[in-house]
Structures are given as C-alpha cells and as structure tokens.
C-alpha cells in the first residue's frame, strides 16, 4: 500500500467530513437499534483519524468514552487493529498502565486518508462542487 503523508495540520473541510460521518453514525444509532449496526473497529478508526487530524493524543479510556464501546470490546478490537498494522499503542507517560496512548500507524493513517478521499468523491455533486475539488487537490498536494 502506498503511504500518504498527512499534512501536519488538517484542512477544516477534512475534519468536517469525518465529523459528518461520525454524526451520521450516531444519528442512525439514535433512531435504530444501535446493536443492529455495531462496528466497533470502524468507530475506533474514525475517532483515531479525527484525533490525528486535530493533532490530539488519545488514550484507551478516551476512545471508549468517545465511541461508547465497552473497555473489554475496545481492547479486543484494538488488538485486532494492531495485528493488522493499523495502529500503535504506547504506555501512558503519566504511568497509568491501564490507559495506553493509541494512535494510527503510518499505514493506518494512509488507509484512512485514502478512504476519506474516496468517500468525499462518492458524495453527490462531488464532481461539480469546487470546494470538494479544492479539498481533494489540497490533500493530494499535501501527500506528495
């Protein structure tokens, strides 16, 4: 997989796009039974990608709160995502062994960047919306 280099700051439009996806998932869960669409791995990846765009650090505790996933389920999925090379975990510098720092790996960040670009392109009117074309152009330039 070709690795994308993410710009050190995220365009506001990229952050908004991720927030829109997260909000849509939360709205769906508020209307339909949340267990019908349980996808903890995807929720964890979305929150980690948003944290990367915002240049924020995330702990396992923050991830469980942000995603609404139980700590046990989060640990199981974080192990799976780690095995697939999508994230990295490091001990909490404050010394709390139960609360590791979690971040996307370079490969995980690249995969999420590719997904974001494809998702934006797939949205209705994407081909004729100059703001979307602008965003994709900036993201591509940042990745070269």
N, C-alpha and C. Protein backbone atom coordinates (compact mmCIF):
# COMPACT_ATOMS: atom_id res chain seq x y z
N UNK A 1 0.86 -1.17 0.00
CA UNK A 1 0.00 0.00 0.00
C UNK A 1 0.90 1.23 0.00
N UNK A 2 0.64 2.13 -0.91
CA UNK A 2 1.41 3.37 -0.98
C UNK A 2 1.01 4.24 0.21
N UNK A 3 2.00 4.76 0.89
CA UNK A 3 1.71 5.56 2.07
C UNK A 3 1.51 7.02 1.72
N UNK A 4 0.41 7.58 2.20
CA UNK A 4 0.15 9.01 2.06
C UNK A 4 0.83 9.72 3.22
N UNK A 5 1.40 10.85 2.98
CA UNK A 5 1.93 11.68 4.06
C UNK A 5 0.86 12.71 4.39
N UNK A 6 0.43 12.72 5.63
CA UNK A 6 -0.58 13.67 6.04
C UNK A 6 0.09 15.00 6.38
N UNK A 7 -0.53 16.08 5.96
CA UNK A 7 -0.04 17.42 6.28
C UNK A 7 -0.10 17.58 7.79
N UNK A 8 0.83 18.32 8.40
CA UNK A 8 0.82 18.45 9.85
C UNK A 8 -0.44 19.10 10.41
N UNK A 9 -1.17 19.82 9.61
CA UNK A 9 -2.45 20.34 10.07
C UNK A 9 -3.50 19.85 9.07
N UNK A 10 -4.71 19.70 9.58
CA UNK A 10 -5.78 19.18 8.74
C UNK A 10 -6.62 20.32 8.21
N UNK A 11 -6.96 20.30 6.93
CA UNK A 11 -7.91 21.30 6.45
C UNK A 11 -9.22 21.16 7.22
N UNK A 12 -9.84 22.26 7.51
CA UNK A 12 -11.10 22.23 8.26
C UNK A 12 -12.14 21.37 7.55
N UNK A 13 -12.08 21.34 6.22
CA UNK A 13 -13.05 20.54 5.48
C UNK A 13 -12.86 19.04 5.73
N UNK A 14 -11.62 18.59 5.89
CA UNK A 14 -11.37 17.17 6.16
C UNK A 14 -11.92 16.81 7.54
N UNK A 15 -11.68 17.67 8.52
CA UNK A 15 -12.21 17.42 9.86
C UNK A 15 -13.73 17.40 9.83
N UNK A 16 -14.33 18.33 9.10
CA UNK A 16 -15.79 18.37 9.00
C UNK A 16 -16.34 17.11 8.35
N UNK A 17 -15.66 16.62 7.33
CA UNK A 17 -16.12 15.40 6.66
C UNK A 17 -16.13 14.22 7.63
N UNK A 18 -15.09 14.08 8.43
CA UNK A 18 -15.03 12.99 9.41
C UNK A 18 -16.11 13.17 10.47
N UNK A 19 -16.28 14.40 10.94
CA UNK A 19 -17.33 14.67 11.94
C UNK A 19 -18.71 14.36 11.36
N UNK A 20 -18.93 14.65 10.09
CA UNK A 20 -20.21 14.34 9.46
C UNK A 20 -20.47 12.84 9.47
N UNK A 21 -19.45 12.05 9.19
CA UNK A 21 -19.60 10.59 9.19
C UNK A 21 -19.91 10.11 10.61
N UNK A 22 -19.18 10.61 11.58
CA UNK A 22 -19.41 10.21 12.98
C UNK A 22 -20.82 10.62 13.41
N UNK A 23 -21.23 11.83 13.07
CA UNK A 23 -22.56 12.30 13.44
C UNK A 23 -23.64 11.44 12.77
N UNK A 24 -23.45 11.11 11.51
CA UNK A 24 -24.43 10.26 10.81
C UNK A 24 -24.55 8.90 11.49
N UNK A 25 -23.42 8.33 11.93
CA UNK A 25 -23.45 7.04 12.62
C UNK A 25 -24.19 7.18 13.96
N UNK A 26 -23.97 8.28 14.66
CA UNK A 26 -24.64 8.48 15.95
C UNK A 26 -26.13 8.74 15.76
N UNK A 27 -26.49 9.48 14.72
CA UNK A 27 -27.92 9.72 14.45
C UNK A 27 -28.61 8.40 14.11
N UNK A 28 -27.94 7.57 13.32
CA UNK A 28 -28.51 6.26 12.97
C UNK A 28 -28.75 5.45 14.23
N UNK A 29 -27.79 5.47 15.15
CA UNK A 29 -27.91 4.70 16.40
C UNK A 29 -29.02 5.26 17.29
N UNK A 30 -29.33 6.55 17.16
CA UNK A 30 -30.39 7.12 18.00
C UNK A 30 -31.77 6.80 17.45
N UNK A 31 -31.86 6.46 16.18
CA UNK A 31 -33.14 6.18 15.54
C UNK A 31 -33.41 4.68 15.45
N UNK A 32 -32.38 3.94 15.15
CA UNK A 32 -32.49 2.48 15.01
C UNK A 32 -31.73 1.81 16.15
N UNK A 33 -32.05 0.58 16.41
CA UNK A 33 -31.35 -0.14 17.49
C UNK A 33 -29.85 -0.15 17.21
N UNK A 34 -29.05 0.41 18.12
CA UNK A 34 -27.61 0.52 17.89
C UNK A 34 -26.93 -0.83 17.64
N UNK A 35 -27.44 -1.90 18.26
CA UNK A 35 -26.80 -3.20 18.09
C UNK A 35 -27.01 -3.79 16.69
N UNK A 36 -27.91 -3.19 15.91
CA UNK A 36 -28.08 -3.65 14.53
C UNK A 36 -26.88 -3.28 13.66
N UNK A 37 -26.18 -2.23 14.03
CA UNK A 37 -25.10 -1.70 13.20
C UNK A 37 -23.79 -1.61 13.96
N UNK A 38 -23.57 -2.47 14.90
CA UNK A 38 -22.37 -2.40 15.71
C UNK A 38 -21.13 -2.63 14.84
N UNK A 39 -20.23 -1.69 14.89
CA UNK A 39 -18.98 -1.78 14.13
C UNK A 39 -17.88 -1.09 14.93
N UNK A 40 -17.48 -1.68 16.07
CA UNK A 40 -16.53 -1.02 16.95
C UNK A 40 -15.20 -0.68 16.29
N UNK A 41 -14.70 -1.55 15.43
CA UNK A 41 -13.40 -1.28 14.79
C UNK A 41 -13.47 0.00 13.96
N UNK A 42 -14.54 0.17 13.21
CA UNK A 42 -14.69 1.37 12.37
C UNK A 42 -14.83 2.61 13.24
N UNK A 43 -15.62 2.52 14.31
CA UNK A 43 -15.78 3.65 15.22
C UNK A 43 -14.44 4.06 15.83
N UNK A 44 -13.64 3.08 16.23
CA UNK A 44 -12.32 3.37 16.79
C UNK A 44 -11.42 4.04 15.76
N UNK A 45 -11.43 3.53 14.53
CA UNK A 45 -10.61 4.13 13.47
C UNK A 45 -11.04 5.56 13.17
N UNK A 46 -12.34 5.81 13.12
CA UNK A 46 -12.82 7.18 12.85
C UNK A 46 -12.36 8.16 13.93
N UNK A 47 -12.48 7.76 15.19
CA UNK A 47 -12.07 8.64 16.28
C UNK A 47 -10.56 8.84 16.26
N UNK A 48 -9.81 7.79 15.97
CA UNK A 48 -8.34 7.94 15.90
C UNK A 48 -7.93 8.83 14.73
N UNK A 49 -8.64 8.73 13.61
CA UNK A 49 -8.32 9.57 12.45
C UNK A 49 -8.64 11.04 12.77
N UNK A 50 -9.77 11.26 13.41
CA UNK A 50 -10.13 12.62 13.81
C UNK A 50 -9.08 13.19 14.78
N UNK A 51 -8.65 12.37 15.73
CA UNK A 51 -7.61 12.82 16.67
C UNK A 51 -6.33 13.17 15.93
N UNK A 52 -5.98 12.38 14.93
CA UNK A 52 -4.77 12.67 14.15
C UNK A 52 -4.91 14.00 13.40
N UNK A 53 -6.08 14.22 12.80
CA UNK A 53 -6.31 15.47 12.10
C UNK A 53 -6.20 16.66 13.05
N UNK A 54 -6.66 16.47 14.27
CA UNK A 54 -6.63 17.55 15.27
C UNK A 54 -5.30 17.60 16.04
N UNK A 55 -4.42 16.66 15.73
CA UNK A 55 -3.13 16.55 16.42
C UNK A 55 -3.33 16.37 17.92
N UNK A 56 -4.29 15.50 18.27
CA UNK A 56 -4.59 15.21 19.66
C UNK A 56 -4.11 13.80 20.00
N UNK A 57 -3.75 13.61 21.25
CA UNK A 57 -3.39 12.29 21.75
C UNK A 57 -4.66 11.63 22.28
N UNK A 58 -4.74 10.31 22.10
CA UNK A 58 -5.90 9.57 22.60
C UNK A 58 -5.42 8.44 23.49
N UNK A 59 -6.12 8.24 24.60
CA UNK A 59 -5.87 7.09 25.46
C UNK A 59 -6.97 6.06 25.22
N UNK A 60 -6.74 4.86 25.69
CA UNK A 60 -7.77 3.84 25.54
C UNK A 60 -9.05 4.27 26.25
N UNK A 61 -8.91 4.93 27.39
CA UNK A 61 -10.10 5.42 28.11
C UNK A 61 -10.87 6.45 27.31
N UNK A 62 -10.16 7.39 26.69
CA UNK A 62 -10.83 8.39 25.85
C UNK A 62 -11.54 7.72 24.67
N UNK A 63 -10.89 6.73 24.09
CA UNK A 63 -11.50 6.03 22.95
C UNK A 63 -12.80 5.34 23.35
N UNK A 64 -12.81 4.70 24.50
CA UNK A 64 -14.03 4.02 24.93
C UNK A 64 -15.15 5.02 25.20
N UNK A 65 -14.80 6.16 25.77
CA UNK A 65 -15.83 7.19 26.01
C UNK A 65 -16.34 7.77 24.70
N UNK A 66 -15.44 8.10 23.79
CA UNK A 66 -15.83 8.72 22.51
C UNK A 66 -16.65 7.78 21.64
N UNK A 67 -16.36 6.50 21.67
CA UNK A 67 -17.06 5.55 20.79
C UNK A 67 -18.25 4.88 21.47
N UNK A 68 -18.29 4.92 22.80
CA UNK A 68 -19.36 4.22 23.51
C UNK A 68 -19.14 2.71 23.54
N UNK A 69 -17.95 2.28 23.19
CA UNK A 69 -17.61 0.85 23.19
C UNK A 69 -17.12 0.49 24.58
N UNK A 70 -17.50 -0.68 25.07
CA UNK A 70 -17.04 -1.10 26.39
C UNK A 70 -15.52 -1.28 26.38
N UNK A 71 -14.87 -1.10 27.52
CA UNK A 71 -13.41 -1.28 27.57
C UNK A 71 -12.97 -2.65 27.08
N UNK A 72 -13.69 -3.68 27.43
CA UNK A 72 -13.33 -5.04 27.00
C UNK A 72 -13.43 -5.18 25.48
N UNK A 73 -14.52 -4.67 24.91
CA UNK A 73 -14.69 -4.72 23.45
C UNK A 73 -13.64 -3.88 22.76
N UNK A 74 -13.38 -2.70 23.31
CA UNK A 74 -12.35 -1.82 22.73
C UNK A 74 -11.00 -2.53 22.73
N UNK A 75 -10.62 -3.14 23.84
CA UNK A 75 -9.33 -3.85 23.90
C UNK A 75 -9.24 -4.94 22.85
N UNK A 76 -10.31 -5.69 22.70
CA UNK A 76 -10.32 -6.78 21.71
C UNK A 76 -10.13 -6.22 20.29
N UNK A 77 -10.84 -5.14 19.98
CA UNK A 77 -10.73 -4.56 18.64
C UNK A 77 -9.41 -3.82 18.44
N UNK A 78 -8.90 -3.18 19.49
CA UNK A 78 -7.60 -2.54 19.38
C UNK A 78 -6.51 -3.58 19.12
N UNK A 79 -6.63 -4.75 19.76
CA UNK A 79 -5.68 -5.84 19.48
C UNK A 79 -5.75 -6.24 18.01
N UNK A 80 -6.97 -6.38 17.48
CA UNK A 80 -7.14 -6.78 16.07
C UNK A 80 -6.58 -5.72 15.13
N UNK A 81 -6.87 -4.45 15.41
CA UNK A 81 -6.36 -3.36 14.56
C UNK A 81 -4.84 -3.28 14.64
N UNK A 82 -4.29 -3.56 15.80
CA UNK A 82 -2.84 -3.60 15.99
C UNK A 82 -2.23 -4.74 15.16
N UNK A 83 -2.83 -5.91 15.22
CA UNK A 83 -2.35 -7.05 14.42
C UNK A 83 -2.35 -6.76 12.93
N UNK A 84 -3.29 -5.96 12.49
CA UNK A 84 -3.38 -5.58 11.07
C UNK A 84 -2.49 -4.40 10.73
N UNK A 85 -1.76 -3.90 11.72
CA UNK A 85 -0.82 -2.81 11.48
C UNK A 85 -1.45 -1.45 11.29
N UNK A 86 -2.69 -1.26 11.78
CA UNK A 86 -3.40 0.00 11.58
C UNK A 86 -3.20 0.99 12.71
N UNK A 87 -2.70 0.54 13.85
CA UNK A 87 -2.50 1.45 14.97
C UNK A 87 -1.28 1.06 15.77
N UNK A 88 -0.91 1.97 16.68
CA UNK A 88 0.19 1.73 17.62
C UNK A 88 -0.30 2.10 19.00
N UNK A 89 0.15 1.33 19.99
CA UNK A 89 -0.16 1.64 21.39
C UNK A 89 1.16 1.83 22.13
N UNK A 90 1.16 2.84 23.02
CA UNK A 90 2.33 3.12 23.84
C UNK A 90 1.87 3.33 25.27
N UNK A 91 2.74 3.03 26.21
CA UNK A 91 2.35 3.27 27.62
C UNK A 91 2.06 4.75 27.85
N UNK A 92 1.13 5.01 28.75
CA UNK A 92 0.80 6.37 29.15
C UNK A 92 2.01 6.98 29.86
N UNK A 93 2.51 8.16 29.38
CA UNK A 93 3.65 8.79 30.05
C UNK A 93 3.39 9.11 31.52
N UNK A 94 2.13 9.24 31.90
CA UNK A 94 1.79 9.51 33.30
C UNK A 94 1.93 8.26 34.15
N UNK A 95 2.21 7.12 33.51
CA UNK A 95 2.45 5.89 34.24
C UNK A 95 1.23 5.03 34.48
N UNK A 96 0.07 5.42 33.98
CA UNK A 96 -1.14 4.61 34.15
C UNK A 96 -1.10 3.46 33.16
N UNK A 97 -0.75 2.27 33.63
CA UNK A 97 -0.58 1.11 32.74
C UNK A 97 -1.91 0.66 32.11
N UNK A 98 -3.03 1.05 32.71
CA UNK A 98 -4.34 0.65 32.16
C UNK A 98 -4.79 1.57 31.04
N UNK A 99 -4.09 2.68 30.84
CA UNK A 99 -4.56 3.69 29.91
C UNK A 99 -3.47 4.02 28.89
N UNK A 100 -3.27 3.14 27.95
CA UNK A 100 -2.23 3.33 26.94
C UNK A 100 -2.62 4.44 25.97
N UNK A 101 -1.61 5.08 25.37
CA UNK A 101 -1.85 6.03 24.29
C UNK A 101 -2.01 5.23 23.01
N UNK A 102 -2.98 5.63 22.20
CA UNK A 102 -3.27 4.92 20.96
C UNK A 102 -3.26 5.92 19.82
N UNK A 103 -2.65 5.53 18.70
CA UNK A 103 -2.64 6.38 17.52
C UNK A 103 -2.63 5.50 16.27
N UNK A 104 -3.06 6.09 15.16
CA UNK A 104 -2.97 5.36 13.90
C UNK A 104 -1.50 5.17 13.55
N UNK A 105 -1.18 4.03 12.99
CA UNK A 105 0.16 3.81 12.46
C UNK A 105 0.26 4.58 11.14
N UNK A 106 1.45 4.74 10.57
CA UNK A 106 1.54 5.38 9.26
C UNK A 106 0.66 4.66 8.21
N UNK A 107 0.65 3.34 8.24
CA UNK A 107 -0.20 2.59 7.31
C UNK A 107 -1.68 2.80 7.58
N UNK A 108 -2.05 2.88 8.86
CA UNK A 108 -3.44 3.13 9.22
C UNK A 108 -3.87 4.53 8.80
N UNK A 109 -3.00 5.52 9.00
CA UNK A 109 -3.30 6.89 8.59
C UNK A 109 -3.44 6.97 7.08
N UNK A 110 -2.58 6.27 6.36
CA UNK A 110 -2.66 6.26 4.90
C UNK A 110 -3.97 5.64 4.42
N UNK A 111 -4.35 4.52 5.05
CA UNK A 111 -5.60 3.86 4.67
C UNK A 111 -6.80 4.76 4.93
N UNK A 112 -6.81 5.44 6.08
CA UNK A 112 -7.93 6.33 6.40
C UNK A 112 -7.95 7.53 5.47
N UNK A 113 -6.77 8.04 5.09
CA UNK A 113 -6.70 9.14 4.14
C UNK A 113 -7.27 8.71 2.78
N UNK A 114 -6.91 7.51 2.35
CA UNK A 114 -7.45 7.00 1.08
C UNK A 114 -8.96 6.84 1.16
N UNK A 115 -9.43 6.33 2.29
CA UNK A 115 -10.88 6.19 2.46
C UNK A 115 -11.56 7.56 2.40
N UNK A 116 -11.00 8.54 3.11
CA UNK A 116 -11.60 9.88 3.13
C UNK A 116 -11.70 10.44 1.72
N UNK A 117 -10.63 10.32 0.96
CA UNK A 117 -10.64 10.84 -0.41
C UNK A 117 -11.72 10.14 -1.24
N UNK A 118 -11.81 8.83 -1.13
CA UNK A 118 -12.82 8.07 -1.89
C UNK A 118 -14.22 8.43 -1.42
N UNK A 119 -14.40 8.60 -0.11
CA UNK A 119 -15.73 8.92 0.42
C UNK A 119 -16.18 10.28 -0.07
N UNK A 120 -15.29 11.26 -0.03
CA UNK A 120 -15.65 12.61 -0.49
C UNK A 120 -16.02 12.57 -1.97
N UNK A 121 -15.25 11.86 -2.76
CA UNK A 121 -15.54 11.77 -4.19
C UNK A 121 -16.89 11.11 -4.45
N UNK A 122 -17.29 10.21 -3.57
CA UNK A 122 -18.54 9.47 -3.80
C UNK A 122 -19.79 10.27 -3.46
N UNK A 123 -19.63 11.35 -2.74
CA UNK A 123 -20.78 12.15 -2.32
C UNK A 123 -21.45 12.81 -3.53
N UNK A 124 -22.74 12.99 -3.41
CA UNK A 124 -23.48 13.59 -4.52
C UNK A 124 -22.94 14.98 -4.83
N UNK A 125 -22.90 15.28 -6.10
CA UNK A 125 -22.40 16.54 -6.62
C UNK A 125 -20.92 16.77 -6.37
N UNK A 126 -20.20 15.73 -5.99
CA UNK A 126 -18.78 15.91 -5.69
C UNK A 126 -18.02 16.39 -6.92
N UNK A 127 -18.38 15.91 -8.07
CA UNK A 127 -17.66 16.31 -9.27
C UNK A 127 -17.87 17.75 -9.67
N UNK A 128 -18.99 18.35 -9.24
CA UNK A 128 -19.26 19.73 -9.64
C UNK A 128 -19.09 20.73 -8.49
N UNK A 129 -18.73 20.26 -7.32
CA UNK A 129 -18.58 21.14 -6.17
C UNK A 129 -17.12 21.57 -6.07
N UNK A 130 -16.85 22.84 -6.33
CA UNK A 130 -15.48 23.34 -6.33
C UNK A 130 -14.82 23.23 -4.96
N UNK A 131 -15.59 23.30 -3.86
CA UNK A 131 -14.99 23.16 -2.53
C UNK A 131 -14.42 21.76 -2.34
N UNK A 132 -15.15 20.74 -2.82
CA UNK A 132 -14.67 19.37 -2.69
C UNK A 132 -13.45 19.16 -3.57
N UNK A 133 -13.49 19.67 -4.78
CA UNK A 133 -12.34 19.55 -5.68
C UNK A 133 -11.14 20.25 -5.06
N UNK A 134 -11.37 21.42 -4.47
CA UNK A 134 -10.31 22.16 -3.77
C UNK A 134 -9.70 21.32 -2.64
N UNK A 135 -10.55 20.72 -1.82
CA UNK A 135 -10.09 19.90 -0.70
C UNK A 135 -9.27 18.72 -1.20
N UNK A 136 -9.78 18.02 -2.19
CA UNK A 136 -9.06 16.86 -2.70
C UNK A 136 -7.72 17.26 -3.31
N UNK A 137 -7.69 18.39 -3.98
CA UNK A 137 -6.43 18.88 -4.55
C UNK A 137 -5.43 19.18 -3.44
N UNK A 138 -5.90 19.86 -2.37
CA UNK A 138 -5.01 20.18 -1.26
C UNK A 138 -4.51 18.93 -0.56
N UNK A 139 -5.41 17.97 -0.36
CA UNK A 139 -5.00 16.71 0.28
C UNK A 139 -3.97 15.98 -0.57
N UNK A 140 -4.18 15.95 -1.87
CA UNK A 140 -3.23 15.29 -2.77
C UNK A 140 -1.88 15.99 -2.74
N UNK A 141 -1.88 17.32 -2.77
CA UNK A 141 -0.63 18.08 -2.72
C UNK A 141 0.10 17.84 -1.40
N UNK A 142 -0.66 17.76 -0.32
CA UNK A 142 -0.06 17.52 0.99
C UNK A 142 0.57 16.15 1.06
N UNK A 143 0.07 15.22 0.25
CA UNK A 143 0.55 13.84 0.31
C UNK A 143 1.69 13.56 -0.65
N UNK A 144 2.08 14.53 -1.43
CA UNK A 144 3.18 14.31 -2.39
C UNK A 144 4.50 14.69 -1.79
